Amino acid sequence: MKILIADDHALFRNGLRSFLLGIDLATLAIEAEDLDTALACLDEHQDIDLVLTDLSMPGMQGAQGVSCLVQKAAPAPVAVISASEESCMMREVIAAGAAGCISKAASPDVLLHALHVILAGGIYLPSRSLLVANEESGDTRLSARQMSILKLLAEGMSNKEVARELGVTEGTVKQHLIAIYACLGVNSRTRAIVTAQKMGLLD
């Protein structure tokens, strides 16, 4: 597996590379210290399997930079690894196409779980941020559209397939997924489906 690590702190890049190589998740880790270098790496290495990027490195400009990476890296997923866990930031980067947001303070076990979720085609968000988002909105019920999306996910459909089935964009599906995760207090589609089944929502 080939993974691109984009972060302006060499120490963090080295640590993340060592972690990935240590668990055999990456057979080759490529590094970039800014957005332009990351985009150039994606041009040079068109077989990248995963992009892990900081949100505040030079040239990023937040979600705008994430969108550039998502378009260039497709179909490989792009995940943001950031020191920030603000729910508004996470909504923006997911809307820009990111497959997840991972805290730089995450434990090795949490990081590994997040990567597995993302590589399996899911969206990963920290549970704490989802609970904050849920408390801010005060909404604890799933809408009819969110229920439709949840049922299609339970059938094994990907985000792209769900979007096609419902006649919406993939970005819209991801936005609904954030709300679904927040409502159910989970941070992956697998947990959302299991929780919904336990609650009888998929009967």
N, C-alpha and C. Protein backbone atom coordinates (compact mmCIF):
# COMPACT_ATOMS: atom_id res chain seq x y z
N MET A 1 0.84 -1.20 0.00
CA MET A 1 0.00 0.00 0.00
C MET A 1 0.87 1.24 0.00
N LYS A 2 0.49 2.24 -0.78
CA LYS A 2 1.25 3.48 -0.87
C LYS A 2 0.43 4.62 -0.26
N ILE A 3 1.02 5.28 0.73
CA ILE A 3 0.32 6.33 1.46
C ILE A 3 1.09 7.65 1.38
N LEU A 4 0.38 8.73 1.11
CA LEU A 4 0.96 10.06 1.11
C LEU A 4 0.68 10.73 2.44
N ILE A 5 1.73 11.18 3.12
CA ILE A 5 1.61 11.90 4.39
C ILE A 5 1.97 13.35 4.13
N ALA A 6 1.02 14.27 4.30
CA ALA A 6 1.25 15.69 4.04
C ALA A 6 1.11 16.48 5.33
N ASP A 7 2.22 17.01 5.80
CA ASP A 7 2.23 17.79 7.05
C ASP A 7 3.50 18.62 7.06
N ASP A 8 3.42 19.84 7.58
CA ASP A 8 4.59 20.71 7.55
C ASP A 8 5.54 20.47 8.73
N HIS A 9 5.22 19.53 9.59
CA HIS A 9 6.10 19.20 10.70
C HIS A 9 6.79 17.86 10.42
N ALA A 10 8.09 17.92 10.19
CA ALA A 10 8.84 16.71 9.83
C ALA A 10 8.78 15.66 10.92
N LEU A 11 8.80 16.09 12.18
CA LEU A 11 8.77 15.14 13.29
C LEU A 11 7.48 14.34 13.29
N PHE A 12 6.34 15.03 13.00
CA PHE A 12 5.05 14.33 12.95
C PHE A 12 5.01 13.38 11.76
N ARG A 13 5.51 13.83 10.61
CA ARG A 13 5.53 12.95 9.43
C ARG A 13 6.33 11.70 9.70
N ASN A 14 7.50 11.87 10.31
CA ASN A 14 8.37 10.72 10.60
C ASN A 14 7.69 9.76 11.57
N GLY A 15 7.03 10.32 12.59
CA GLY A 15 6.35 9.48 13.56
C GLY A 15 5.21 8.70 12.94
N LEU A 16 4.43 9.37 12.10
CA LEU A 16 3.29 8.70 11.45
C LEU A 16 3.79 7.65 10.47
N ARG A 17 4.86 7.97 9.74
CA ARG A 17 5.41 6.99 8.80
C ARG A 17 5.89 5.75 9.54
N SER A 18 6.58 5.94 10.66
CA SER A 18 7.08 4.81 11.44
C SER A 18 5.93 3.95 11.96
N PHE A 19 4.83 4.61 12.38
CA PHE A 19 3.66 3.89 12.86
C PHE A 19 3.06 3.04 11.75
N LEU A 20 2.89 3.63 10.58
CA LEU A 20 2.27 2.93 9.46
C LEU A 20 3.12 1.76 9.00
N LEU A 21 4.42 1.97 8.93
CA LEU A 21 5.31 0.90 8.51
C LEU A 21 5.37 -0.19 9.58
N GLY A 22 5.26 0.21 10.84
CA GLY A 22 5.33 -0.75 11.94
C GLY A 22 4.15 -1.71 11.97
N ILE A 23 3.00 -1.25 11.49
CA ILE A 23 1.82 -2.12 11.49
C ILE A 23 1.56 -2.71 10.11
N ASP A 24 2.53 -2.50 9.21
CA ASP A 24 2.45 -3.04 7.84
C ASP A 24 1.25 -2.52 7.06
N LEU A 25 0.74 -1.34 7.47
CA LEU A 25 -0.38 -0.78 6.72
C LEU A 25 0.14 -0.09 5.46
N ALA A 26 1.39 0.38 5.53
CA ALA A 26 1.98 1.04 4.38
C ALA A 26 3.24 0.30 3.95
N THR A 27 3.33 -0.03 2.68
CA THR A 27 4.55 -0.60 2.17
C THR A 27 5.47 0.52 1.67
N LEU A 28 4.88 1.67 1.41
CA LEU A 28 5.65 2.84 0.98
C LEU A 28 4.93 4.10 1.44
N ALA A 29 5.62 4.95 2.17
CA ALA A 29 5.05 6.21 2.64
C ALA A 29 5.80 7.36 1.99
N ILE A 30 5.06 8.22 1.30
CA ILE A 30 5.63 9.39 0.64
C ILE A 30 5.27 10.62 1.46
N GLU A 31 6.20 11.57 1.57
CA GLU A 31 5.97 12.73 2.42
C GLU A 31 5.93 14.04 1.62
N ALA A 32 5.11 14.97 2.12
CA ALA A 32 5.01 16.31 1.54
C ALA A 32 4.84 17.30 2.67
N GLU A 33 5.44 18.49 2.52
CA GLU A 33 5.38 19.48 3.59
C GLU A 33 4.43 20.63 3.32
N ASP A 34 3.80 20.65 2.14
CA ASP A 34 2.83 21.69 1.83
C ASP A 34 1.89 21.19 0.74
N LEU A 35 0.87 21.98 0.43
CA LEU A 35 -0.14 21.54 -0.53
C LEU A 35 0.44 21.34 -1.93
N ASP A 36 1.25 22.27 -2.39
CA ASP A 36 1.81 22.16 -3.74
C ASP A 36 2.64 20.89 -3.89
N THR A 37 3.45 20.59 -2.88
CA THR A 37 4.26 19.37 -2.94
C THR A 37 3.38 18.13 -2.92
N ALA A 38 2.31 18.17 -2.11
CA ALA A 38 1.39 17.04 -2.04
C ALA A 38 0.72 16.80 -3.39
N LEU A 39 0.28 17.87 -4.04
CA LEU A 39 -0.35 17.73 -5.35
C LEU A 39 0.64 17.21 -6.38
N ALA A 40 1.89 17.67 -6.29
CA ALA A 40 2.92 17.19 -7.22
C ALA A 40 3.19 15.70 -6.99
N CYS A 41 3.18 15.28 -5.73
CA CYS A 41 3.37 13.86 -5.42
C CYS A 41 2.25 13.01 -6.01
N LEU A 42 1.03 13.54 -5.96
CA LEU A 42 -0.11 12.80 -6.51
C LEU A 42 -0.03 12.71 -8.03
N ASP A 43 0.56 13.72 -8.66
CA ASP A 43 0.78 13.67 -10.11
C ASP A 43 1.82 12.61 -10.45
N GLU A 44 2.86 12.56 -9.62
CA GLU A 44 3.97 11.63 -9.87
C GLU A 44 3.61 10.19 -9.51
N HIS A 45 2.84 10.05 -8.43
CA HIS A 45 2.46 8.71 -7.96
C HIS A 45 0.95 8.56 -8.08
N GLN A 46 0.49 8.10 -9.21
CA GLN A 46 -0.95 8.00 -9.45
C GLN A 46 -1.55 6.71 -8.91
N ASP A 47 -0.73 5.94 -8.19
CA ASP A 47 -1.22 4.71 -7.57
C ASP A 47 -1.30 4.85 -6.05
N ILE A 48 -1.40 6.09 -5.56
CA ILE A 48 -1.55 6.33 -4.12
C ILE A 48 -2.85 5.68 -3.63
N ASP A 49 -2.79 5.00 -2.50
CA ASP A 49 -3.97 4.32 -1.95
C ASP A 49 -4.67 5.15 -0.88
N LEU A 50 -3.95 6.08 -0.24
CA LEU A 50 -4.52 6.85 0.86
C LEU A 50 -3.71 8.12 1.05
N VAL A 51 -4.41 9.23 1.33
CA VAL A 51 -3.75 10.50 1.64
C VAL A 51 -4.12 10.90 3.06
N LEU A 52 -3.11 11.17 3.86
CA LEU A 52 -3.30 11.67 5.22
C LEU A 52 -2.72 13.08 5.26
N THR A 53 -3.55 14.07 5.51
CA THR A 53 -3.09 15.45 5.41
C THR A 53 -3.41 16.30 6.63
N ASP A 54 -2.50 17.21 6.93
CA ASP A 54 -2.75 18.23 7.94
C ASP A 54 -3.69 19.26 7.32
N LEU A 55 -4.38 20.01 8.16
CA LEU A 55 -5.31 21.02 7.65
C LEU A 55 -4.70 22.42 7.63
N SER A 56 -3.61 22.61 8.35
CA SER A 56 -3.06 23.96 8.47
C SER A 56 -1.65 24.10 7.90
N MET A 57 -1.23 23.17 7.06
CA MET A 57 0.09 23.31 6.46
C MET A 57 0.05 24.38 5.36
N PRO A 58 1.20 24.90 4.94
CA PRO A 58 1.23 25.97 3.93
C PRO A 58 0.46 25.61 2.65
N GLY A 59 -0.36 26.57 2.20
CA GLY A 59 -1.11 26.42 0.96
C GLY A 59 -2.47 25.78 1.09
N MET A 60 -2.79 25.20 2.25
CA MET A 60 -4.03 24.44 2.38
C MET A 60 -5.30 25.29 2.31
N GLN A 61 -5.34 26.38 3.06
CA GLN A 61 -6.54 27.21 3.12
C GLN A 61 -7.77 26.38 3.51
N GLY A 62 -7.58 25.55 4.52
CA GLY A 62 -8.69 24.78 5.07
C GLY A 62 -9.32 23.81 4.10
N ALA A 63 -10.65 23.80 4.06
CA ALA A 63 -11.40 22.85 3.25
C ALA A 63 -11.12 23.00 1.76
N GLN A 64 -10.71 24.20 1.33
CA GLN A 64 -10.41 24.41 -0.08
C GLN A 64 -9.24 23.52 -0.52
N GLY A 65 -8.22 23.45 0.33
CA GLY A 65 -7.08 22.60 0.02
C GLY A 65 -7.46 21.13 0.05
N VAL A 66 -8.33 20.76 0.97
CA VAL A 66 -8.80 19.38 1.04
C VAL A 66 -9.50 19.00 -0.25
N SER A 67 -10.33 19.91 -0.76
CA SER A 67 -11.04 19.66 -2.01
C SER A 67 -10.08 19.42 -3.16
N CYS A 68 -8.99 20.19 -3.20
CA CYS A 68 -7.98 20.01 -4.25
C CYS A 68 -7.34 18.63 -4.16
N LEU A 69 -7.02 18.21 -2.95
CA LEU A 69 -6.41 16.90 -2.76
C LEU A 69 -7.38 15.78 -3.12
N VAL A 70 -8.64 15.94 -2.74
CA VAL A 70 -9.65 14.92 -3.04
C VAL A 70 -9.79 14.73 -4.55
N GLN A 71 -9.86 15.83 -5.28
CA GLN A 71 -10.00 15.74 -6.73
C GLN A 71 -8.79 15.10 -7.37
N LYS A 72 -7.59 15.46 -6.88
CA LYS A 72 -6.36 14.94 -7.47
C LYS A 72 -6.13 13.48 -7.09
N ALA A 73 -6.50 13.10 -5.87
CA ALA A 73 -6.21 11.75 -5.37
C ALA A 73 -7.23 10.71 -5.79
N ALA A 74 -8.42 11.13 -6.20
CA ALA A 74 -9.50 10.20 -6.52
C ALA A 74 -9.00 9.08 -7.44
N PRO A 75 -9.42 7.83 -7.12
CA PRO A 75 -10.44 7.43 -6.14
C PRO A 75 -9.89 7.14 -4.74
N ALA A 76 -8.62 7.40 -4.49
CA ALA A 76 -8.06 7.16 -3.17
C ALA A 76 -8.68 8.11 -2.14
N PRO A 77 -8.98 7.64 -0.95
CA PRO A 77 -9.57 8.51 0.08
C PRO A 77 -8.55 9.48 0.66
N VAL A 78 -9.05 10.63 1.09
CA VAL A 78 -8.23 11.65 1.74
C VAL A 78 -8.76 11.83 3.16
N ALA A 79 -7.90 11.70 4.14
CA ALA A 79 -8.29 11.89 5.53
C ALA A 79 -7.49 13.03 6.14
N VAL A 80 -8.15 13.85 6.94
CA VAL A 80 -7.50 14.97 7.62
C VAL A 80 -7.05 14.53 9.01
N ILE A 81 -5.79 14.79 9.32
CA ILE A 81 -5.29 14.56 10.67
C ILE A 81 -4.96 15.92 11.25
N SER A 82 -5.73 16.35 12.22
CA SER A 82 -5.64 17.72 12.71
C SER A 82 -5.65 17.80 14.23
N ALA A 83 -5.05 18.88 14.74
CA ALA A 83 -5.09 19.13 16.19
C ALA A 83 -6.45 19.68 16.60
N SER A 84 -7.21 20.17 15.63
CA SER A 84 -8.53 20.74 15.91
C SER A 84 -9.61 19.67 15.83
N GLU A 85 -10.57 19.73 16.76
CA GLU A 85 -11.71 18.82 16.73
C GLU A 85 -13.01 19.60 16.69
N GLU A 86 -12.97 20.80 16.13
CA GLU A 86 -14.18 21.62 16.05
C GLU A 86 -15.16 20.99 15.07
N SER A 87 -16.40 20.85 15.49
CA SER A 87 -17.41 20.18 14.67
C SER A 87 -17.65 20.93 13.36
N CYS A 88 -17.59 22.26 13.39
CA CYS A 88 -17.83 23.03 12.15
C CYS A 88 -16.72 22.77 11.14
N MET A 89 -15.49 22.64 11.61
CA MET A 89 -14.38 22.34 10.72
C MET A 89 -14.55 20.97 10.09
N MET A 90 -14.98 20.01 10.90
CA MET A 90 -15.14 18.66 10.39
C MET A 90 -16.26 18.59 9.35
N ARG A 91 -17.33 19.33 9.58
CA ARG A 91 -18.40 19.35 8.59
C ARG A 91 -17.91 19.91 7.26
N GLU A 92 -17.07 20.94 7.33
CA GLU A 92 -16.55 21.57 6.11
C GLU A 92 -15.65 20.63 5.32
N VAL A 93 -14.75 19.93 6.00
CA VAL A 93 -13.82 19.06 5.27
C VAL A 93 -14.52 17.81 4.74
N ILE A 94 -15.53 17.32 5.45
CA ILE A 94 -16.30 16.19 4.93
C ILE A 94 -17.09 16.62 3.71
N ALA A 95 -17.66 17.84 3.77
CA ALA A 95 -18.39 18.37 2.62
C ALA A 95 -17.45 18.56 1.43
N ALA A 96 -16.16 18.81 1.71
CA ALA A 96 -15.18 18.98 0.65
C ALA A 96 -14.72 17.65 0.07
N GLY A 97 -15.19 16.56 0.67
CA GLY A 97 -14.88 15.25 0.11
C GLY A 97 -13.97 14.38 0.96
N ALA A 98 -13.52 14.88 2.11
CA ALA A 98 -12.65 14.07 2.96
C ALA A 98 -13.38 12.84 3.47
N ALA A 99 -12.62 11.77 3.67
CA ALA A 99 -13.21 10.52 4.14
C ALA A 99 -13.16 10.40 5.65
N GLY A 100 -12.62 11.42 6.31
CA GLY A 100 -12.58 11.37 7.76
C GLY A 100 -11.70 12.44 8.36
N CYS A 101 -11.86 12.64 9.67
CA CYS A 101 -11.04 13.56 10.45
C CYS A 101 -10.52 12.80 11.65
N ILE A 102 -9.21 12.80 11.81
CA ILE A 102 -8.58 12.07 12.90
C ILE A 102 -7.81 13.07 13.75
N SER A 103 -7.97 12.98 15.05
CA SER A 103 -7.27 13.88 15.95
C SER A 103 -5.81 13.50 16.07
N LYS A 104 -4.93 14.50 16.10
CA LYS A 104 -3.51 14.23 16.29
C LYS A 104 -3.24 13.70 17.69
N ALA A 105 -4.21 13.86 18.57
CA ALA A 105 -4.06 13.35 19.94
C ALA A 105 -4.58 11.92 20.08
N ALA A 106 -5.05 11.35 18.98
CA ALA A 106 -5.64 10.00 19.03
C ALA A 106 -4.59 8.97 19.44
N SER A 107 -5.03 7.95 20.15
CA SER A 107 -4.14 6.86 20.54
C SER A 107 -3.84 6.00 19.31
N PRO A 108 -2.78 5.19 19.36
CA PRO A 108 -2.47 4.30 18.22
C PRO A 108 -3.64 3.39 17.85
N ASP A 109 -4.36 2.88 18.85
CA ASP A 109 -5.50 1.99 18.57
C ASP A 109 -6.62 2.74 17.85
N VAL A 110 -6.89 3.97 18.28
CA VAL A 110 -7.93 4.78 17.65
C VAL A 110 -7.51 5.12 16.22
N LEU A 111 -6.26 5.48 16.04
CA LEU A 111 -5.76 5.81 14.71
C LEU A 111 -5.89 4.61 13.77
N LEU A 112 -5.52 3.45 14.25
CA LEU A 112 -5.62 2.24 13.43
C LEU A 112 -7.06 1.95 13.07
N HIS A 113 -7.96 2.07 14.04
CA HIS A 113 -9.39 1.85 13.77
C HIS A 113 -9.90 2.85 12.73
N ALA A 114 -9.51 4.11 12.87
CA ALA A 114 -9.96 5.14 11.93
C ALA A 114 -9.49 4.82 10.52
N LEU A 115 -8.25 4.39 10.39
CA LEU A 115 -7.70 4.07 9.06
C LEU A 115 -8.43 2.88 8.44
N HIS A 116 -8.76 1.90 9.25
CA HIS A 116 -9.49 0.74 8.74
C HIS A 116 -10.88 1.15 8.25
N VAL A 117 -11.55 2.03 9.00
CA VAL A 117 -12.87 2.53 8.61
C VAL A 117 -12.77 3.24 7.26
N ILE A 118 -11.79 4.10 7.13
CA ILE A 118 -11.64 4.90 5.91
C ILE A 118 -11.27 4.03 4.72
N LEU A 119 -10.34 3.10 4.92
CA LEU A 119 -9.92 2.24 3.82
C LEU A 119 -11.02 1.27 3.40
N ALA A 120 -11.99 1.04 4.30
CA ALA A 120 -13.12 0.17 3.97
C ALA A 120 -14.24 0.94 3.27
N GLY A 121 -13.99 2.25 3.03
CA GLY A 121 -14.97 3.04 2.31
C GLY A 121 -15.90 3.85 3.20
N GLY A 122 -15.65 3.84 4.52
CA GLY A 122 -16.50 4.59 5.43
C GLY A 122 -15.98 5.99 5.70
N ILE A 123 -16.68 6.69 6.58
CA ILE A 123 -16.27 8.03 7.02
C ILE A 123 -16.01 7.96 8.51
N TYR A 124 -14.85 8.45 8.92
CA TYR A 124 -14.51 8.41 10.34
C TYR A 124 -14.51 9.81 10.93
N LEU A 125 -15.17 9.96 12.07
CA LEU A 125 -15.14 11.20 12.85
C LEU A 125 -15.01 10.83 14.32
N PRO A 126 -14.27 11.62 15.10
CA PRO A 126 -14.15 11.33 16.53
C PRO A 126 -15.51 11.36 17.22
N SER A 127 -15.78 10.41 18.08
CA SER A 127 -17.08 10.34 18.78
C SER A 127 -17.35 11.61 19.57
N ARG A 128 -16.29 12.17 20.20
CA ARG A 128 -16.47 13.35 21.03
C ARG A 128 -17.01 14.52 20.20
N SER A 129 -16.48 14.69 19.00
CA SER A 129 -16.94 15.80 18.16
C SER A 129 -18.37 15.59 17.71
N LEU A 130 -18.75 14.33 17.50
CA LEU A 130 -20.11 14.03 17.09
C LEU A 130 -21.09 14.34 18.21
N LEU A 131 -20.69 14.02 19.44
CA LEU A 131 -21.56 14.31 20.57
C LEU A 131 -21.73 15.80 20.77
N VAL A 132 -20.64 16.55 20.55
CA VAL A 132 -20.72 18.01 20.66
C VAL A 132 -21.66 18.56 19.60
N ALA A 133 -21.52 18.04 18.37
CA ALA A 133 -22.38 18.50 17.28
C ALA A 133 -23.84 18.19 17.59
N ASN A 134 -24.08 17.04 18.18
CA ASN A 134 -25.44 16.65 18.51
C ASN A 134 -26.02 17.55 19.60
N GLU A 135 -25.19 17.89 20.59
CA GLU A 135 -25.65 18.76 21.66
C GLU A 135 -25.93 20.16 21.14
N GLU A 136 -25.09 20.62 20.19
CA GLU A 136 -25.28 21.95 19.63
C GLU A 136 -26.58 22.04 18.84
N SER A 137 -26.88 21.00 18.09
CA SER A 137 -28.07 21.02 17.24
C SER A 137 -29.34 20.74 18.04
N GLY A 138 -29.20 19.93 19.09
CA GLY A 138 -30.36 19.56 19.89
C GLY A 138 -31.27 18.57 19.18
N ASP A 139 -30.81 18.06 18.06
CA ASP A 139 -31.64 17.15 17.26
C ASP A 139 -31.25 15.71 17.56
N THR A 140 -32.17 14.92 18.05
CA THR A 140 -31.89 13.53 18.39
C THR A 140 -32.71 12.56 17.55
N ARG A 141 -33.32 13.03 16.48
CA ARG A 141 -34.12 12.16 15.63
C ARG A 141 -33.57 12.15 14.21
N LEU A 142 -33.70 11.03 13.56
CA LEU A 142 -33.28 10.93 12.17
C LEU A 142 -34.41 11.36 11.26
N SER A 143 -34.07 12.13 10.24
CA SER A 143 -35.08 12.56 9.27
C SER A 143 -35.40 11.40 8.33
N ALA A 144 -36.45 11.57 7.53
CA ALA A 144 -36.84 10.53 6.58
C ALA A 144 -35.71 10.26 5.58
N ARG A 145 -35.03 11.32 5.13
CA ARG A 145 -33.92 11.14 4.19
C ARG A 145 -32.76 10.41 4.85
N GLN A 146 -32.48 10.75 6.09
CA GLN A 146 -31.40 10.08 6.81
C GLN A 146 -31.72 8.60 7.03
N MET A 147 -32.98 8.29 7.30
CA MET A 147 -33.38 6.90 7.45
C MET A 147 -33.21 6.15 6.14
N SER A 148 -33.55 6.82 5.04
CA SER A 148 -33.38 6.18 3.71
C SER A 148 -31.92 5.86 3.46
N ILE A 149 -31.06 6.81 3.79
CA ILE A 149 -29.62 6.61 3.59
C ILE A 149 -29.12 5.47 4.48
N LEU A 150 -29.56 5.45 5.72
CA LEU A 150 -29.13 4.41 6.66
C LEU A 150 -29.54 3.03 6.17
N LYS A 151 -30.75 2.90 5.65
CA LYS A 151 -31.23 1.61 5.17
C LYS A 151 -30.44 1.15 3.94
N LEU A 152 -30.07 2.10 3.08
CA LEU A 152 -29.29 1.74 1.90
C LEU A 152 -27.87 1.33 2.30
N LEU A 153 -27.32 1.98 3.31
CA LEU A 153 -26.01 1.60 3.82
C LEU A 153 -26.06 0.19 4.39
N ALA A 154 -27.16 -0.12 5.07
CA ALA A 154 -27.33 -1.45 5.66
C ALA A 154 -27.40 -2.53 4.58
N GLU A 155 -27.78 -2.13 3.37
CA GLU A 155 -27.82 -3.06 2.25
C GLU A 155 -26.46 -3.24 1.60
N GLY A 156 -25.47 -2.49 2.12
CA GLY A 156 -24.11 -2.63 1.61
C GLY A 156 -23.72 -1.65 0.53
N MET A 157 -24.54 -0.64 0.30
CA MET A 157 -24.23 0.34 -0.74
C MET A 157 -23.13 1.29 -0.30
N SER A 158 -22.31 1.74 -1.26
CA SER A 158 -21.29 2.74 -1.00
C SER A 158 -21.94 4.12 -1.01
N ASN A 159 -21.20 5.14 -0.58
CA ASN A 159 -21.74 6.50 -0.62
C ASN A 159 -22.15 6.89 -2.03
N LYS A 160 -21.33 6.52 -3.00
CA LYS A 160 -21.61 6.87 -4.40
C LYS A 160 -22.89 6.18 -4.87
N GLU A 161 -23.07 4.92 -4.50
CA GLU A 161 -24.27 4.18 -4.90
C GLU A 161 -25.52 4.76 -4.23
N VAL A 162 -25.39 5.16 -2.96
CA VAL A 162 -26.52 5.77 -2.25
C VAL A 162 -26.91 7.07 -2.94
N ALA A 163 -25.90 7.87 -3.30
CA ALA A 163 -26.15 9.14 -3.97
C ALA A 163 -26.89 8.93 -5.29
N ARG A 164 -26.46 7.93 -6.03
CA ARG A 164 -27.09 7.63 -7.31
C ARG A 164 -28.53 7.15 -7.11
N GLU A 165 -28.73 6.31 -6.11
CA GLU A 165 -30.06 5.76 -5.83
C GLU A 165 -31.05 6.86 -5.44
N LEU A 166 -30.57 7.86 -4.66
CA LEU A 166 -31.45 8.91 -4.16
C LEU A 166 -31.45 10.16 -5.03
N GLY A 167 -30.61 10.19 -6.04
CA GLY A 167 -30.57 11.34 -6.94
C GLY A 167 -29.98 12.59 -6.30
N VAL A 168 -28.98 12.39 -5.42
CA VAL A 168 -28.32 13.52 -4.76
C VAL A 168 -26.82 13.39 -4.99
N THR A 169 -26.07 14.40 -4.53
CA THR A 169 -24.62 14.34 -4.69
C THR A 169 -24.01 13.50 -3.57
N GLU A 170 -22.80 13.01 -3.82
CA GLU A 170 -22.10 12.24 -2.79
C GLU A 170 -21.80 13.12 -1.58
N GLY A 171 -21.55 14.40 -1.81
CA GLY A 171 -21.30 15.33 -0.72
C GLY A 171 -22.52 15.46 0.19
N THR A 172 -23.72 15.44 -0.42
CA THR A 172 -24.95 15.51 0.37
C THR A 172 -25.10 14.27 1.24
N VAL A 173 -24.76 13.12 0.69
CA VAL A 173 -24.82 11.88 1.46
C VAL A 173 -23.88 11.96 2.66
N LYS A 174 -22.68 12.47 2.43
CA LYS A 174 -21.71 12.58 3.52
C LYS A 174 -22.19 13.53 4.62
N GLN A 175 -22.84 14.62 4.21
CA GLN A 175 -23.38 15.55 5.19
C GLN A 175 -24.45 14.87 6.05
N HIS A 176 -25.30 14.07 5.41
CA HIS A 176 -26.32 13.34 6.15
C HIS A 176 -25.69 12.30 7.08
N LEU A 177 -24.58 11.70 6.63
CA LEU A 177 -23.90 10.71 7.46
C LEU A 177 -23.39 11.34 8.76
N ILE A 178 -22.88 12.56 8.67
CA ILE A 178 -22.41 13.26 9.86
C ILE A 178 -23.56 13.39 10.86
N ALA A 179 -24.73 13.79 10.35
CA ALA A 179 -25.90 13.96 11.22
C ALA A 179 -26.34 12.62 11.80
N ILE A 180 -26.29 11.57 10.98
CA ILE A 180 -26.67 10.23 11.45
C ILE A 180 -25.72 9.77 12.56
N TYR A 181 -24.43 9.94 12.33
CA TYR A 181 -23.43 9.53 13.33
C TYR A 181 -23.65 10.30 14.63
N ALA A 182 -23.89 11.61 14.50
CA ALA A 182 -24.08 12.45 15.68
C ALA A 182 -25.31 12.01 16.47
N CYS A 183 -26.39 11.72 15.75
CA CYS A 183 -27.63 11.32 16.40
C CYS A 183 -27.48 9.99 17.13
N LEU A 184 -26.75 9.06 16.51
CA LEU A 184 -26.60 7.73 17.09
C LEU A 184 -25.41 7.63 18.04
N GLY A 185 -24.56 8.67 18.05
CA GLY A 185 -23.40 8.66 18.94
C GLY A 185 -22.33 7.68 18.51
N VAL A 186 -22.15 7.53 17.20
CA VAL A 186 -21.15 6.59 16.66
C VAL A 186 -20.22 7.35 15.72
N ASN A 187 -19.19 6.66 15.23
CA ASN A 187 -18.27 7.34 14.32
C ASN A 187 -17.88 6.52 13.10
N SER A 188 -18.71 5.55 12.74
CA SER A 188 -18.47 4.79 11.52
C SER A 188 -19.79 4.21 11.03
N ARG A 189 -19.82 3.87 9.75
CA ARG A 189 -21.07 3.33 9.19
C ARG A 189 -21.41 1.97 9.81
N THR A 190 -20.39 1.17 10.09
CA THR A 190 -20.65 -0.14 10.69
C THR A 190 -21.33 0.01 12.03
N ARG A 191 -20.81 0.91 12.86
CA ARG A 191 -21.40 1.13 14.17
C ARG A 191 -22.79 1.75 14.06
N ALA A 192 -22.97 2.60 13.05
CA ALA A 192 -24.27 3.22 12.84
C ALA A 192 -25.31 2.15 12.52
N ILE A 193 -24.95 1.22 11.66
CA ILE A 193 -25.88 0.16 11.26
C ILE A 193 -26.20 -0.75 12.44
N VAL A 194 -25.15 -1.14 13.19
CA VAL A 194 -25.35 -2.02 14.34
C VAL A 194 -26.24 -1.33 15.39
N THR A 195 -25.95 -0.06 15.65
CA THR A 195 -26.74 0.69 16.64
C THR A 195 -28.18 0.85 16.19
N ALA A 196 -28.36 1.14 14.91
CA ALA A 196 -29.72 1.31 14.38
C ALA A 196 -30.50 0.00 14.46
N GLN A 197 -29.81 -1.12 14.20
CA GLN A 197 -30.47 -2.41 14.31
C GLN A 197 -30.89 -2.70 15.74
N LYS A 198 -30.03 -2.37 16.69
CA LYS A 198 -30.36 -2.59 18.11
C LYS A 198 -31.53 -1.73 18.55
N MET A 199 -31.63 -0.54 17.92
CA MET A 199 -32.72 0.37 18.26
C MET A 199 -34.00 0.05 17.51
N GLY A 200 -33.92 -0.93 16.60
CA GLY A 200 -35.10 -1.31 15.83
C GLY A 200 -35.43 -0.36 14.68
N LEU A 201 -34.46 0.48 14.31
CA LEU A 201 -34.74 1.47 13.25
C LEU A 201 -34.75 0.86 11.86
N LEU A 202 -34.16 -0.31 11.71
CA LEU A 202 -34.06 -0.91 10.38
C LEU A 202 -35.04 -2.05 10.19
N ASP A 203 -35.94 -2.25 11.15
CA ASP A 203 -36.95 -3.32 11.03
C ASP A 203 -37.97 -3.00 9.96
